[in-house]
Amino acid sequence: MARIRSDGLIFRKERRVARIHDPRNSFALTDVESEIRYDPLTGESSRICHFSLPAAAPSDLADLAEARRPGCPFCPGRIDVVTPRFPEDLVPGGRFRRGEAVVFPNLFPYDELSAVVVPVARHDVSMADVPESLVVNGIATARDFLSATLPRMGGDLYGMVTWNFMPPAGGTQLHPHLQVLGTSEPGSATRRELAAEESWLASTGRPFAPDLLAAEEEAGRVVGRTGGWTWFVPFSPIGLLGDCRAVLPGKSTVLELTDEDIADFAVGAHRALRGFAGAGLWSFNMTFVSDRSGERSGRHSLSARLLPRLYIDPVLHVPDANYLNMLLGERYCMVWPEEVAARLRVAFSEG
């Protein structure tokens, strides 16, 4: 089933029904519904199924954070001793600093310019209470670092800013830290998105993002606005327990962000994270989807993706990814996006 809007956006979904003799209901023949939804820009599919999963942080998380503190490479007293330094011709002094925040090379780099941003000295931060100041320090420092280094790299590059918070999201250290890349290769998902946006602009004469935001507003999946940012839960989800996006029309790269833009984003990020944490979640991935630094077509609006992560079974460390994600490139979700939007809308309304 597809709903085609007057602006050409297609929200396509297909209902599926499996019939089983359910042992939870004395083996009665039972219909179990699921749904396949398709992203209105790229056409990529995601499945909504199962509809039952408790989420809770490990009870010993605070103790674990404290136990890791003495050996943490990002804490004061160790960060300048054990972390690597950049060449002087790229970053004078070897490490980039902005107030409390420190940027240094990734010891295991993903590209020619691969860096770690440690935004605060504080070691223990929970998803339920990520301070706005931490988000501001991290993103503003990443922006300033990229502004200083990308011109020295030469070429028309992508400045990428990402965040793996806690182990389920791939965070190898509990101390908050972001990842920054300067690269000519933004990854397959970004390439597909930018190509689809370019096609949309060529066929309609309009950038895609404003049309999408209007459609998500009409559907009730917009959860709030902070400054120029619009926050919404996408029609076609990518996370096991939902996800959230923020879009800033009129800007296409992290380098274009003003201090006010970043402060406004931090307000929304704090509210969204608090909303997800209220469902028992404690880990997340975040990334900014940026265009090339020299792109001027107007095809893309800068967006941020916020994806809660979890262990399905914290004792066995069962991850929230399986063959669908890893081998078939298919997303699946155990909650309806509209329900996630309702929960996050409460978090945004509480301020």
C-alpha atoms as a PDB file:
ATOM      1  CA  MET A   1       0.000   0.000   0.000  1.00  0.00           C
ATOM      2  CA  ALA A   2       1.390   3.414  -0.927  1.00  0.00           C
ATOM      3  CA  ARG A   3       0.200   6.905  -0.134  1.00  0.00           C
ATOM      4  CA  ILE A   4       1.325   9.388  -2.813  1.00  0.00           C
ATOM      5  CA  ARG A   5       1.205  13.030  -1.823  1.00  0.00           C
ATOM      6  CA  SER A   6       0.672  15.966  -4.174  1.00  0.00           C
ATOM      7  CA  ASP A   7       4.349  16.897  -3.785  1.00  0.00           C
ATOM      8  CA  GLY A   8       5.383  13.487  -5.158  1.00  0.00           C
ATOM      9  CA  LEU A   9       6.492  11.936  -1.881  1.00  0.00           C
ATOM     10  CA  ILE A  10       5.554   8.268  -1.604  1.00  0.00           C
ATOM     11  CA  PHE A  11       4.968   6.703   1.815  1.00  0.00           C
ATOM     12  CA  ARG A  12       4.767   3.026   1.000  1.00  0.00           C
ATOM     13  CA  LYS A  13       4.052   0.236   3.468  1.00  0.00           C
ATOM     14  CA  GLU A  14       2.990  -3.383   3.155  1.00  0.00           C
ATOM     15  CA  ARG A  15       1.153  -5.389   5.824  1.00  0.00           C
ATOM     16  CA  ARG A  16       2.261  -8.988   6.287  1.00  0.00           C
ATOM     17  CA  VAL A  17       0.519 -11.708   8.331  1.00  0.00           C
ATOM     18  CA  ALA A  18       2.108 -14.949   9.553  1.00  0.00           C
ATOM     19  CA  ARG A  19      -0.127 -17.748  10.925  1.00  0.00           C
ATOM     20  CA  ILE A  20       1.237 -19.852  13.800  1.00  0.00           C
ATOM     21  CA  HIS A  21      -0.025 -22.172  16.514  1.00  0.00           C
ATOM     22  CA  ASP A  22       0.997 -19.986  19.446  1.00  0.00           C
ATOM     23  CA  PRO A  23       2.194 -21.777  22.617  1.00  0.00           C
ATOM     24  CA  ARG A  24       1.457 -18.573  24.566  1.00  0.00           C
ATOM     25  CA  ASN A  25      -2.222 -19.062  23.719  1.00  0.00           C
ATOM     26  CA  SER A  26      -2.637 -22.843  24.179  1.00  0.00           C
ATOM     27  CA  PHE A  27      -1.371 -23.359  20.620  1.00  0.00           C
ATOM     28  CA  ALA A  28      -4.404 -21.633  19.132  1.00  0.00           C
ATOM     29  CA  LEU A  29      -4.021 -20.706  15.477  1.00  0.00           C
ATOM     30  CA  THR A  30      -3.020 -17.052  15.648  1.00  0.00           C
ATOM     31  CA  ASP A  31      -2.374 -14.297  13.111  1.00  0.00           C
ATOM     32  CA  VAL A  32       0.836 -12.328  13.821  1.00  0.00           C
ATOM     33  CA  GLU A  33       1.156  -9.068  11.916  1.00  0.00           C
ATOM     34  CA  SER A  34       4.254  -7.259  10.724  1.00  0.00           C
ATOM     35  CA  GLU A  35       4.860  -4.436   8.310  1.00  0.00           C
ATOM     36  CA  ILE A  36       7.425  -3.415   5.720  1.00  0.00           C
ATOM     37  CA  ARG A  37       7.961   0.302   5.177  1.00  0.00           C
ATOM     38  CA  TYR A  38      10.015   2.029   2.488  1.00  0.00           C
ATOM     39  CA  ASP A  39      12.050   5.175   2.921  1.00  0.00           C
ATOM     40  CA  PRO A  40      10.390   7.931   0.857  1.00  0.00           C
ATOM     41  CA  LEU A  41      13.745   9.206  -0.446  1.00  0.00           C
ATOM     42  CA  THR A  42      15.880   6.128  -1.132  1.00  0.00           C
ATOM     43  CA  GLY A  43      13.242   3.370  -1.239  1.00  0.00           C
ATOM     44  CA  GLU A  44      15.213   1.278   1.271  1.00  0.00           C
ATOM     45  CA  SER A  45      13.027  -1.015   3.331  1.00  0.00           C
ATOM     46  CA  SER A  46      12.677  -1.639   7.036  1.00  0.00           C
ATOM     47  CA  ARG A  47      10.554  -4.154   8.916  1.00  0.00           C
ATOM     48  CA  ILE A  48       8.377  -3.469  11.942  1.00  0.00           C
ATOM     49  CA  CYS A  49       7.804  -6.680  13.849  1.00  0.00           C
ATOM     50  CA  HIS A  50       7.871  -8.608  17.151  1.00  0.00           C
ATOM     51  CA  PHE A  51       6.466  -5.753  19.287  1.00  0.00           C
ATOM     52  CA  SER A  52       7.785  -6.983  22.611  1.00  0.00           C
ATOM     53  CA  LEU A  53      11.119  -6.193  24.194  1.00  0.00           C
ATOM     54  CA  PRO A  54      12.065  -4.837  27.621  1.00  0.00           C
ATOM     55  CA  ALA A  55      15.008  -2.474  27.731  1.00  0.00           C
ATOM     56  CA  ALA A  56      17.093  -1.785  30.825  1.00  0.00           C
ATOM     57  CA  ALA A  57      20.617  -0.660  31.598  1.00  0.00           C
ATOM     58  CA  PRO A  58      22.874  -3.091  33.485  1.00  0.00           C
ATOM     59  CA  SER A  59      22.471  -2.611  37.221  1.00  0.00           C
ATOM     60  CA  ASP A  60      26.233  -2.296  37.691  1.00  0.00           C
ATOM     61  CA  LEU A  61      26.807   0.417  35.062  1.00  0.00           C
ATOM     62  CA  ALA A  62      27.826   3.087  37.584  1.00  0.00           C
ATOM     63  CA  ASP A  63      30.210   0.667  39.293  1.00  0.00           C
ATOM     64  CA  LEU A  64      31.668  -0.301  35.921  1.00  0.00           C
ATOM     65  CA  ALA A  65      32.271   3.347  35.002  1.00  0.00           C
ATOM     66  CA  GLU A  66      34.026   3.936  38.312  1.00  0.00           C
ATOM     67  CA  ALA A  67      36.129   0.818  37.905  1.00  0.00           C
ATOM     68  CA  ARG A  68      37.290   2.002  34.480  1.00  0.00           C
ATOM     69  CA  ARG A  69      38.200   5.495  35.665  1.00  0.00           C
ATOM     70  CA  PRO A  70      41.813   4.798  36.833  1.00  0.00           C
ATOM     71  CA  GLY A  71      42.815   3.479  33.401  1.00  0.00           C
ATOM     72  CA  CYS A  72      40.696   5.825  31.269  1.00  0.00           C
ATOM     73  CA  PRO A  73      42.869   7.406  28.558  1.00  0.00           C
ATOM     74  CA  PHE A  74      40.528  10.403  28.236  1.00  0.00           C
ATOM     75  CA  CYS A  75      40.546  11.562  31.854  1.00  0.00           C
ATOM     76  CA  PRO A  76      42.722  14.472  33.087  1.00  0.00           C
ATOM     77  CA  GLY A  77      46.233  13.378  33.959  1.00  0.00           C
ATOM     78  CA  ARG A  78      46.300  10.696  31.289  1.00  0.00           C
ATOM     79  CA  ILE A  79      44.927  12.284  28.127  1.00  0.00           C
ATOM     80  CA  ASP A  80      48.147  14.219  27.433  1.00  0.00           C
ATOM     81  CA  VAL A  81      50.315  11.204  28.226  1.00  0.00           C
ATOM     82  CA  VAL A  82      48.724   8.282  26.391  1.00  0.00           C
ATOM     83  CA  THR A  83      46.894   9.801  23.401  1.00  0.00           C
ATOM     84  CA  PRO A  84      48.679  10.403  20.072  1.00  0.00           C
ATOM     85  CA  ARG A  85      49.480  13.794  18.529  1.00  0.00           C
ATOM     86  CA  PHE A  86      48.970  15.229  15.058  1.00  0.00           C
ATOM     87  CA  PRO A  87      51.892  16.309  12.885  1.00  0.00           C
ATOM     88  CA  GLU A  88      52.818  19.931  13.569  1.00  0.00           C
ATOM     89  CA  ASP A  89      52.063  21.000   9.993  1.00  0.00           C
ATOM     90  CA  LEU A  90      48.471  19.852  10.404  1.00  0.00           C
ATOM     91  CA  VAL A  91      47.774  20.845  14.018  1.00  0.00           C
ATOM     92  CA  PRO A  92      50.343  23.075  15.700  1.00  0.00           C
ATOM     93  CA  GLY A  93      51.053  21.712  19.152  1.00  0.00           C
ATOM     94  CA  GLY A  94      49.888  18.224  18.149  1.00  0.00           C
ATOM     95  CA  ARG A  95      46.447  18.413  19.755  1.00  0.00           C
ATOM     96  CA  PHE A  96      43.557  20.753  19.003  1.00  0.00           C
ATOM     97  CA  ARG A  97      41.948  22.431  22.011  1.00  0.00           C
ATOM     98  CA  ARG A  98      38.833  24.501  22.528  1.00  0.00           C
ATOM     99  CA  GLY A  99      38.243  25.322  26.155  1.00  0.00           C
ATOM    100  CA  GLU A 100      37.839  22.045  28.045  1.00  0.00           C
ATOM    101  CA  ALA A 101      37.638  19.953  24.877  1.00  0.00           C
ATOM    102  CA  VAL A 102      40.622  18.156  23.339  1.00  0.00           C
ATOM    103  CA  VAL A 103      41.048  16.654  19.840  1.00  0.00           C
ATOM    104  CA  PHE A 104      43.751  14.129  19.007  1.00  0.00           C
ATOM    105  CA  PRO A 105      44.321  11.536  16.254  1.00  0.00           C
ATOM    106  CA  ASN A 106      42.544   8.210  16.415  1.00  0.00           C
ATOM    107  CA  LEU A 107      45.169   5.608  17.238  1.00  0.00           C
ATOM    108  CA  PHE A 108      43.310   3.276  14.870  1.00  0.00           C
ATOM    109  CA  PRO A 109      42.336   5.682  12.058  1.00  0.00           C
ATOM    110  CA  TYR A 110      39.482   5.179   9.605  1.00  0.00           C
ATOM    111  CA  ASP A 111      40.886   7.604   7.026  1.00  0.00           C
ATOM    112  CA  GLU A 112      43.697  10.103   6.442  1.00  0.00           C
ATOM    113  CA  LEU A 113      42.089  12.545   8.873  1.00  0.00           C
ATOM    114  CA  SER A 114      40.548  10.537  11.706  1.00  0.00           C
ATOM    115  CA  ALA A 115      40.248  12.179  15.105  1.00  0.00           C
ATOM    116  CA  VAL A 116      38.729  11.776  18.556  1.00  0.00           C
ATOM    117  CA  VAL A 117      37.047  14.659  20.377  1.00  0.00           C
ATOM    118  CA  VAL A 118      36.895  14.463  24.165  1.00  0.00           C
ATOM    119  CA  PRO A 119      34.466  17.265  24.990  1.00  0.00           C
ATOM    120  CA  VAL A 120      34.615  17.237  28.790  1.00  0.00           C
ATOM    121  CA  ALA A 121      36.860  16.087  31.600  1.00  0.00           C
ATOM    122  CA  ARG A 122      33.903  14.412  33.315  1.00  0.00           C
ATOM    123  CA  HIS A 123      34.168  10.643  33.079  1.00  0.00           C
ATOM    124  CA  ASP A 124      30.689   9.403  34.012  1.00  0.00           C
ATOM    125  CA  VAL A 125      27.717  10.680  32.000  1.00  0.00           C
ATOM    126  CA  SER A 126      24.404   8.886  31.589  1.00  0.00           C
ATOM    127  CA  MET A 127      22.186   8.991  28.512  1.00  0.00           C
ATOM    128  CA  ALA A 128      19.351  10.226  30.735  1.00  0.00           C
ATOM    129  CA  ASP A 129      21.284  13.385  31.585  1.00  0.00           C
ATOM    130  CA  VAL A 130      23.692  14.322  28.811  1.00  0.00           C
ATOM    131  CA  PRO A 131      24.347  18.012  29.573  1.00  0.00           C
ATOM    132  CA  GLU A 132      23.664  20.497  26.810  1.00  0.00           C
ATOM    133  CA  SER A 133      27.120  21.953  27.496  1.00  0.00           C
ATOM    134  CA  LEU A 134      28.725  18.597  26.644  1.00  0.00           C
ATOM    135  CA  VAL A 135      26.928  18.468  23.288  1.00  0.00           C
ATOM    136  CA  VAL A 136      27.907  22.069  22.545  1.00  0.00           C
ATOM    137  CA  ASN A 137      31.560  21.460  23.460  1.00  0.00           C
ATOM    138  CA  GLY A 138      31.751  18.345  21.323  1.00  0.00           C
ATOM    139  CA  ILE A 139      30.101  19.674  18.169  1.00  0.00           C
ATOM    140  CA  ALA A 140      31.599  23.168  18.271  1.00  0.00           C
ATOM    141  CA  THR A 141      35.069  21.700  18.779  1.00  0.00           C
ATOM    142  CA  ALA A 142      34.548  19.247  15.902  1.00  0.00           C
ATOM    143  CA  ARG A 143      33.392  22.130  13.677  1.00  0.00           C
ATOM    144  CA  ASP A 144      36.397  24.287  14.573  1.00  0.00           C
ATOM    145  CA  PHE A 145      38.807  21.386  14.137  1.00  0.00           C
ATOM    146  CA  LEU A 146      37.445  20.581  10.672  1.00  0.00           C
ATOM    147  CA  SER A 147      37.493  24.259   9.697  1.00  0.00           C
ATOM    148  CA  ALA A 148      41.171  24.405  10.644  1.00  0.00           C
ATOM    149  CA  THR A 149      42.305  21.130   9.088  1.00  0.00           C
ATOM    150  CA  LEU A 150      40.224  20.457   5.958  1.00  0.00           C
ATOM    151  CA  PRO A 151      41.812  23.347   3.993  1.00  0.00           C
ATOM    152  CA  ARG A 152      45.221  21.839   4.760  1.00  0.00           C
ATOM    153  CA  MET A 153      44.031  18.467   3.439  1.00  0.00           C
ATOM    154  CA  GLY A 154      43.179  19.906   0.015  1.00  0.00           C
ATOM    155  CA  GLY A 155      40.276  18.922  -2.201  1.00  0.00           C
ATOM    156  CA  ASP A 156      36.514  18.997  -1.749  1.00  0.00           C
ATOM    157  CA  LEU A 157      35.978  16.839   1.337  1.00  0.00           C
ATOM    158  CA  TYR A 158      33.242  15.647   3.672  1.00  0.00           C
ATOM    159  CA  GLY A 159      33.543  16.654   7.312  1.00  0.00           C
ATOM    160  CA  MET A 160      31.855  13.910   9.336  1.00  0.00           C
ATOM    161  CA  VAL A 161      31.006  14.021  13.047  1.00  0.00           C
ATOM    162  CA  THR A 162      29.742  10.911  14.845  1.00  0.00           C
ATOM    163  CA  TRP A 163      29.221   9.695  18.396  1.00  0.00           C
ATOM    164  CA  ASN A 164      29.295   6.158  19.810  1.00  0.00           C
ATOM    165  CA  PHE A 165      27.948   6.393  23.362  1.00  0.00           C
ATOM    166  CA  MET A 166      28.501   3.336  25.571  1.00  0.00           C
ATOM    167  CA  PRO A 167      29.422  -0.240  24.542  1.00  0.00           C
ATOM    168  CA  PRO A 168      26.207  -1.291  22.724  1.00  0.00           C
ATOM    169  CA  ALA A 169      26.880   1.563  20.273  1.00  0.00           C
ATOM    170  CA  GLY A 170      30.511   0.571  19.757  1.00  0.00           C
ATOM    171  CA  GLY A 171      31.953   2.944  22.348  1.00  0.00           C
ATOM    172  CA  THR A 172      35.220   1.374  23.491  1.00  0.00           C
ATOM    173  CA  GLN A 173      35.585   3.892  26.335  1.00  0.00           C
ATOM    174  CA  LEU A 174      32.875   4.939  28.798  1.00  0.00           C
ATOM    175  CA  HIS A 175      34.229   8.498  28.941  1.00  0.00           C
ATOM    176  CA  PRO A 176      32.192  10.593  26.428  1.00  0.00           C
ATOM    177  CA  HIS A 177      33.984  11.093  23.112  1.00  0.00           C
ATOM    178  CA  LEU A 178      33.071  11.836  19.493  1.00  0.00           C
ATOM    179  CA  GLN A 179      34.674  10.744  16.229  1.00  0.00           C
ATOM    180  CA  VAL A 180      35.576  13.159  13.416  1.00  0.00           C
ATOM    181  CA  LEU A 181      36.565  12.317   9.844  1.00  0.00           C
ATOM    182  CA  GLY A 182      37.772  14.427   6.971  1.00  0.00           C
ATOM    183  CA  THR A 183      37.312  12.238   3.917  1.00  0.00           C
ATOM    184  CA  SER A 184      36.569  12.059   0.205  1.00  0.00           C
ATOM    185  CA  GLU A 185      34.432   8.952   0.885  1.00  0.00           C
ATOM    186  CA  PRO A 186      31.367   9.584   3.080  1.00  0.00           C
ATOM    187  CA  GLY A 187      30.117   5.991   3.074  1.00  0.00           C
ATOM    188  CA  SER A 188      27.509   4.095   1.117  1.00  0.00           C
ATOM    189  CA  ALA A 189      24.435   5.374   2.973  1.00  0.00           C
ATOM    190  CA  THR A 190      25.418   9.025   2.578  1.00  0.00           C
ATOM    191  CA  ARG A 191      26.267   8.520  -1.094  1.00  0.00           C
ATOM    192  CA  ARG A 192      22.848   6.984  -1.753  1.00  0.00           C
ATOM    193  CA  GLU A 193      21.055   9.749   0.119  1.00  0.00           C
ATOM    194  CA  LEU A 194      22.883  12.564  -1.643  1.00  0.00           C
ATOM    195  CA  ALA A 195      22.333  10.966  -5.049  1.00  0.00           C
ATOM    196  CA  ALA A 196      18.608  10.588  -4.351  1.00  0.00           C
ATOM    197  CA  GLU A 197      18.393  14.203  -3.176  1.00  0.00           C
ATOM    198  CA  GLU A 198      20.159  15.337  -6.330  1.00  0.00           C
ATOM    199  CA  SER A 199      17.622  13.433  -8.439  1.00  0.00           C
ATOM    200  CA  TRP A 200      14.734  14.935  -6.465  1.00  0.00           C
ATOM    201  CA  LEU A 201      16.097  18.458  -6.978  1.00  0.00           C
ATOM    202  CA  ALA A 202      16.577  17.835 -10.692  1.00  0.00           C
ATOM    203  CA  SER A 203      13.053  16.460 -11.182  1.00  0.00           C
ATOM    204  CA  THR A 204      11.091  18.870  -8.959  1.00  0.00           C
ATOM    205  CA  GLY A 205      13.230  21.985  -8.814  1.00  0.00           C
ATOM    206  CA  ARG A 206      12.993  21.829  -5.012  1.00  0.00           C
ATOM    207  CA  PRO A 207      15.295  20.443  -2.300  1.00  0.00           C
ATOM    208  CA  PHE A 208      13.932  17.322  -0.643  1.00  0.00           C
ATOM    209  CA  ALA A 209      14.167  18.224   3.052  1.00  0.00           C
ATOM    210  CA  PRO A 210      11.393  20.876   3.227  1.00  0.00           C
ATOM    211  CA  ASP A 211       8.971  18.538   1.441  1.00  0.00           C
ATOM    212  CA  LEU A 212       9.853  15.716   3.826  1.00  0.00           C
ATOM    213  CA  LEU A 213       9.448  17.879   6.931  1.00  0.00           C
ATOM    214  CA  ALA A 214       6.044  19.085   5.767  1.00  0.00           C
ATOM    215  CA  ALA A 215       4.943  15.484   5.200  1.00  0.00           C
ATOM    216  CA  GLU A 216       6.232  14.273   8.562  1.00  0.00           C
ATOM    217  CA  GLU A 217       4.480  17.208  10.244  1.00  0.00           C
ATOM    218  CA  GLU A 218       1.207  16.270   8.579  1.00  0.00           C
ATOM    219  CA  ALA A 219       1.634  12.651   9.658  1.00  0.00           C
ATOM    220  CA  GLY A 220       2.222  13.619  13.294  1.00  0.00           C
ATOM    221  CA  ARG A 221       5.799  12.374  13.493  1.00  0.00           C
ATOM    222  CA  VAL A 222       7.400  15.782  14.151  1.00  0.00           C
ATOM    223  CA  VAL A 223       8.177  15.895  17.878  1.00  0.00           C
ATOM    224  CA  GLY A 224       9.543  19.411  18.330  1.00  0.00           C
ATOM    225  CA  ARG A 225      11.641  22.322  17.106  1.00  0.00           C
ATOM    226  CA  THR A 226      14.699  23.926  18.643  1.00  0.00           C
ATOM    227  CA  GLY A 227      15.760  27.034  16.783  1.00  0.00           C
ATOM    228  CA  GLY A 228      15.995  26.176  13.093  1.00  0.00           C
ATOM    229  CA  TRP A 229      16.126  22.425  13.768  1.00  0.00           C
ATOM    230  CA  THR A 230      13.077  20.232  13.214  1.00  0.00           C
ATOM    231  CA  TRP A 231      13.068  16.932  15.124  1.00  0.00           C
ATOM    232  CA  PHE A 232      11.004  13.995  13.897  1.00  0.00           C
ATOM    233  CA  VAL A 233      10.686  10.214  13.998  1.00  0.00           C
ATOM    234  CA  PRO A 234      11.033   8.866  10.450  1.00  0.00           C
ATOM    235  CA  PHE A 235       8.297   6.877   8.718  1.00  0.00           C
ATOM    236  CA  SER A 236      10.760   4.082   7.888  1.00  0.00           C
ATOM    237  CA  PRO A 237      12.754   3.352  11.073  1.00  0.00           C
ATOM    238  CA  ILE A 238      16.342   2.155  11.315  1.00  0.00           C
ATOM    239  CA  GLY A 239      16.628   1.264  15.010  1.00  0.00           C
ATOM    240  CA  LEU A 240      15.333  -1.705  16.973  1.00  0.00           C
ATOM    241  CA  LEU A 241      13.484   0.593  19.377  1.00  0.00           C
ATOM    242  CA  GLY A 242      13.074   3.535  17.034  1.00  0.00           C
ATOM    243  CA  ASP A 243      15.204   6.502  16.061  1.00  0.00           C
ATOM    244  CA  CYS A 244      15.012  10.260  15.690  1.00  0.00           C
ATOM    245  CA  ARG A 245      16.280  12.817  13.182  1.00  0.00           C
ATOM    246  CA  ALA A 246      16.931  16.540  13.226  1.00  0.00           C
ATOM    247  CA  VAL A 247      17.114  18.642  10.052  1.00  0.00           C
ATOM    248  CA  LEU A 248      18.416  22.191   9.588  1.00  0.00           C
ATOM    249  CA  PRO A 249      17.230  23.551   6.215  1.00  0.00           C
ATOM    250  CA  GLY A 250      19.499  26.079   4.564  1.00  0.00           C
ATOM    251  CA  LYS A 251      22.778  24.562   5.768  1.00  0.00           C
ATOM    252  CA  SER A 252      24.445  21.494   4.338  1.00  0.00           C
ATOM    253  CA  THR A 253      27.633  20.908   6.357  1.00  0.00           C
ATOM    254  CA  VAL A 254      28.816  20.930   9.958  1.00  0.00           C
ATOM    255  CA  LEU A 255      31.276  23.669   8.994  1.00  0.00           C
ATOM    256  CA  GLU A 256      28.365  26.064   8.362  1.00  0.00           C
ATOM    257  CA  LEU A 257      26.936  25.714  11.868  1.00  0.00           C
ATOM    258  CA  THR A 258      26.911  28.859  13.990  1.00  0.00           C
ATOM    259  CA  ASP A 259      27.313  28.791  17.751  1.00  0.00           C
ATOM    260  CA  GLU A 260      23.567  29.480  17.983  1.00  0.00           C
ATOM    261  CA  ASP A 261      22.782  26.526  15.678  1.00  0.00           C
ATOM    262  CA  ILE A 262      24.854  24.250  17.896  1.00  0.00           C
ATOM    263  CA  ALA A 263      23.267  25.516  21.107  1.00  0.00           C
ATOM    264  CA  ASP A 264      19.804  24.942  19.617  1.00  0.00           C
ATOM    265  CA  PHE A 265      20.789  21.436  18.543  1.00  0.00           C
ATOM    266  CA  ALA A 266      22.079  20.659  22.026  1.00  0.00           C
ATOM    267  CA  VAL A 267      18.697  21.561  23.524  1.00  0.00           C
ATOM    268  CA  GLY A 268      16.936  19.113  21.201  1.00  0.00           C
ATOM    269  CA  ALA A 269      19.528  16.372  21.658  1.00  0.00           C
ATOM    270  CA  HIS A 270      19.208  16.602  25.436  1.00  0.00           C
ATOM    271  CA  ARG A 271      15.414  16.257  25.206  1.00  0.00           C
ATOM    272  CA  ALA A 272      15.484  13.406  22.698  1.00  0.00           C
ATOM    273  CA  LEU A 273      18.047  11.446  24.701  1.00  0.00           C
ATOM    274  CA  ARG A 274      16.033  11.949  27.872  1.00  0.00           C
ATOM    275  CA  GLY A 275      12.943  10.679  26.071  1.00  0.00           C
ATOM    276  CA  PHE A 276      14.683   7.517  24.892  1.00  0.00           C
ATOM    277  CA  ALA A 277      16.291   6.971  28.297  1.00  0.00           C
ATOM    278  CA  GLY A 278      12.805   7.026  29.806  1.00  0.00           C
ATOM    279  CA  ALA A 279      12.163   3.766  27.925  1.00  0.00           C
ATOM    280  CA  GLY A 280      15.115   2.108  29.671  1.00  0.00           C
ATOM    281  CA  LEU A 281      17.688   2.828  26.949  1.00  0.00           C
ATOM    282  CA  TRP A 282      21.246   3.846  27.863  1.00  0.00           C
ATOM    283  CA  SER A 283      23.328   3.860  24.685  1.00  0.00           C
ATOM    284  CA  PHE A 284      23.154   5.567  21.296  1.00  0.00           C
ATOM    285  CA  ASN A 285      24.835   6.352  17.998  1.00  0.00           C
ATOM    286  CA  MET A 286      24.621   9.830  16.551  1.00  0.00           C
ATOM    287  CA  THR A 287      25.892  11.136  13.241  1.00  0.00           C
ATOM    288  CA  PHE A 288      25.621  14.275  11.169  1.00  0.00           C
ATOM    289  CA  VAL A 289      24.938  13.673   7.484  1.00  0.00           C
ATOM    290  CA  SER A 290      26.886  16.390   5.661  1.00  0.00           C
ATOM    291  CA  ASP A 291      27.406  17.248   2.039  1.00  0.00           C
ATOM    292  CA  ARG A 292      30.825  18.006   0.541  1.00  0.00           C
ATOM    293  CA  SER A 293      32.419  21.202   1.781  1.00  0.00           C
ATOM    294  CA  GLY A 294      32.350  22.733  -1.699  1.00  0.00           C
ATOM    295  CA  GLU A 295      28.852  21.606  -2.798  1.00  0.00           C
ATOM    296  CA  ARG A 296      26.617  24.574  -3.629  1.00  0.00           C
ATOM    297  CA  SER A 297      23.647  23.007  -5.437  1.00  0.00           C
ATOM    298  CA  GLY A 298      21.326  23.227  -2.426  1.00  0.00           C
ATOM    299  CA  ARG A 299      20.363  19.563  -2.769  1.00  0.00           C
ATOM    300  CA  HIS A 300      21.036  18.679   0.869  1.00  0.00           C
ATOM    301  CA  SER A 301      20.020  19.998   4.268  1.00  0.00           C
ATOM    302  CA  LEU A 302      22.280  19.083   7.166  1.00  0.00           C
ATOM    303  CA  SER A 303      20.705  16.386   9.303  1.00  0.00           C
ATOM    304  CA  ALA A 304      21.546  14.485  12.436  1.00  0.00           C
ATOM    305  CA  ARG A 305      20.514  10.890  13.102  1.00  0.00           C
ATOM    306  CA  LEU A 306      20.050   9.671  16.657  1.00  0.00           C
ATOM    307  CA  LEU A 307      19.799   5.910  17.057  1.00  0.00           C
ATOM    308  CA  PRO A 308      19.356   4.281  20.490  1.00  0.00           C
ATOM    309  CA  ARG A 309      21.299   1.046  20.930  1.00  0.00           C
ATOM    310  CA  LEU A 310      20.940  -1.806  23.375  1.00  0.00           C
ATOM    311  CA  TYR A 311      21.817  -5.340  24.310  1.00  0.00           C
ATOM    312  CA  ILE A 312      18.728  -7.468  23.813  1.00  0.00           C
ATOM    313  CA  ASP A 313      20.074  -9.607  26.653  1.00  0.00           C
ATOM    314  CA  PRO A 314      22.613  -7.679  28.784  1.00  0.00           C
ATOM    315  CA  VAL A 315      23.807 -10.848  30.508  1.00  0.00           C
ATOM    316  CA  LEU A 316      24.620 -12.682  27.267  1.00  0.00           C
ATOM    317  CA  HIS A 317      25.577  -9.426  25.468  1.00  0.00           C
ATOM    318  CA  VAL A 318      23.104 -10.178  22.665  1.00  0.00           C
ATOM    319  CA  PRO A 319      23.305  -7.181  20.291  1.00  0.00           C
ATOM    320  CA  ASP A 320      20.461  -5.376  18.563  1.00  0.00           C
ATOM    321  CA  ALA A 321      21.758  -6.427  15.142  1.00  0.00           C
ATOM    322  CA  ASN A 322      21.395  -9.733  13.331  1.00  0.00           C
ATOM    323  CA  TYR A 323      21.515 -11.214   9.838  1.00  0.00           C
ATOM    324  CA  LEU A 324      18.896  -8.765   8.564  1.00  0.00           C
ATOM    325  CA  ASN A 325      21.143  -5.787   9.307  1.00  0.00           C
ATOM    326  CA  MET A 326      24.569  -7.262   8.806  1.00  0.00           C
ATOM    327  CA  LEU A 327      24.063  -9.513   5.773  1.00  0.00           C
ATOM    328  CA  LEU A 328      20.883  -8.363   4.018  1.00  0.00           C
ATOM    329  CA  GLY A 329      21.151  -4.621   4.612  1.00  0.00           C
ATOM    330  CA  GLU A 330      17.630  -4.592   6.071  1.00  0.00           C
ATOM    331  CA  ARG A 331      16.541  -2.589   9.114  1.00  0.00           C
ATOM    332  CA  TYR A 332      13.990  -3.837  11.611  1.00  0.00           C
ATOM    333  CA  CYS A 333      12.152  -2.217  14.476  1.00  0.00           C
ATOM    334  CA  MET A 334      10.045  -3.559  17.345  1.00  0.00           C
ATOM    335  CA  VAL A 335       7.998  -0.411  17.962  1.00  0.00           C
ATOM    336  CA  TRP A 336       5.768   1.729  15.784  1.00  0.00           C
ATOM    337  CA  PRO A 337       7.439   5.033  14.801  1.00  0.00           C
ATOM    338  CA  GLU A 338       4.234   6.859  15.675  1.00  0.00           C
ATOM    339  CA  GLU A 339       4.449   5.540  19.246  1.00  0.00           C
ATOM    340  CA  VAL A 340       8.076   6.660  19.495  1.00  0.00           C
ATOM    341  CA  ALA A 341       7.047  10.106  18.243  1.00  0.00           C
ATOM    342  CA  ALA A 342       4.373  10.370  20.924  1.00  0.00           C
ATOM    343  CA  ARG A 343       6.884   9.540  23.661  1.00  0.00           C
ATOM    344  CA  LEU A 344       9.508  11.985  22.395  1.00  0.00           C
ATOM    345  CA  ARG A 345       6.913  14.727  21.968  1.00  0.00           C
ATOM    346  CA  VAL A 346       6.330  14.549  25.719  1.00  0.00           C
ATOM    347  CA  ALA A 347      10.086  14.902  26.373  1.00  0.00           C
ATOM    348  CA  PHE A 348      10.233  17.972  24.105  1.00  0.00           C
ATOM    349  CA  SER A 349       7.160  19.558  25.667  1.00  0.00           C
ATOM    350  CA  GLU A 350       8.643  19.243  29.153  1.00  0.00           C
ATOM    351  CA  GLY A 351      11.599  21.417  28.134  1.00  0.00           C
END
